[in-house]
Amino acid sequence: MKKLNHLIWLIILGTYSSAASAALLDFNDPDNLGVTLGGVTMTWNGIGGGHLYADHANDDDEISFSTATYVNSFEMNAKAWEGFTNSSEDIGMIDIIGYNTSKQNIWETTVDLTDYTDWNDWLTVSVETADIMNFTFLATGLLPHDKNFWPSIDNMIINEQMPQVPVPAAIWLFISGLAGIFGTGLSRRLSK
């Protein structure tokens, strides 16, 4: 019985420490985005495939989750949709900040979308951060970058890997499982 109990603990350990199921938010269905759009005018668009874009160059736009989420990555393009052109476009950099539930900045980056104007060429932005509650895409038309373009966001991967069981706990459970297996065999030999 002890042997079985220890094997069960090892199975639980293996299950707990394995990666969670990944989800791809492809934004194809405007009624089931997996995020809430916020800020001034974060917008859904279906031209060239479902995606989101920051519709206002002079105000911040946001994407929010219903619960704190592990975010792996997402893709960005400098164009608002496939075939988009605007004579006042001035493509360049944009700052992005990830906040937790306490509105603390826990991740940030600056991406340069100058070379990502072809709809078939998207920049992958790596996040690999837990507890993200929302992303703010800082206005492209304001300092420090002072550009004028409407970047798109697509193919967000979430929950691909979650933090693992701490190594000391994993080792302790593994050793106790082995001790149980070998201890049961030893006690049977001694009782004979």
Foldseek 3Di string as FASTA:
>chain_A
DLLVVLVVLLVVQVVQFFFDDKDWQFQQDVVPRQWDKDWDDFAWDQAQGTWTKAPAQQTKIKIFHPFWWFWFKWKKAQARHAPDDDPQFDFFKWKKFFAAPVRDTPDIDIDTRPVRHHSVDIDIDGTRDTRTGMMMTGRCCDPPNNGDTMMIIGTIMTRRGDHGDDPVVSVVSVVSSVCSVVVVVVVVVVVD
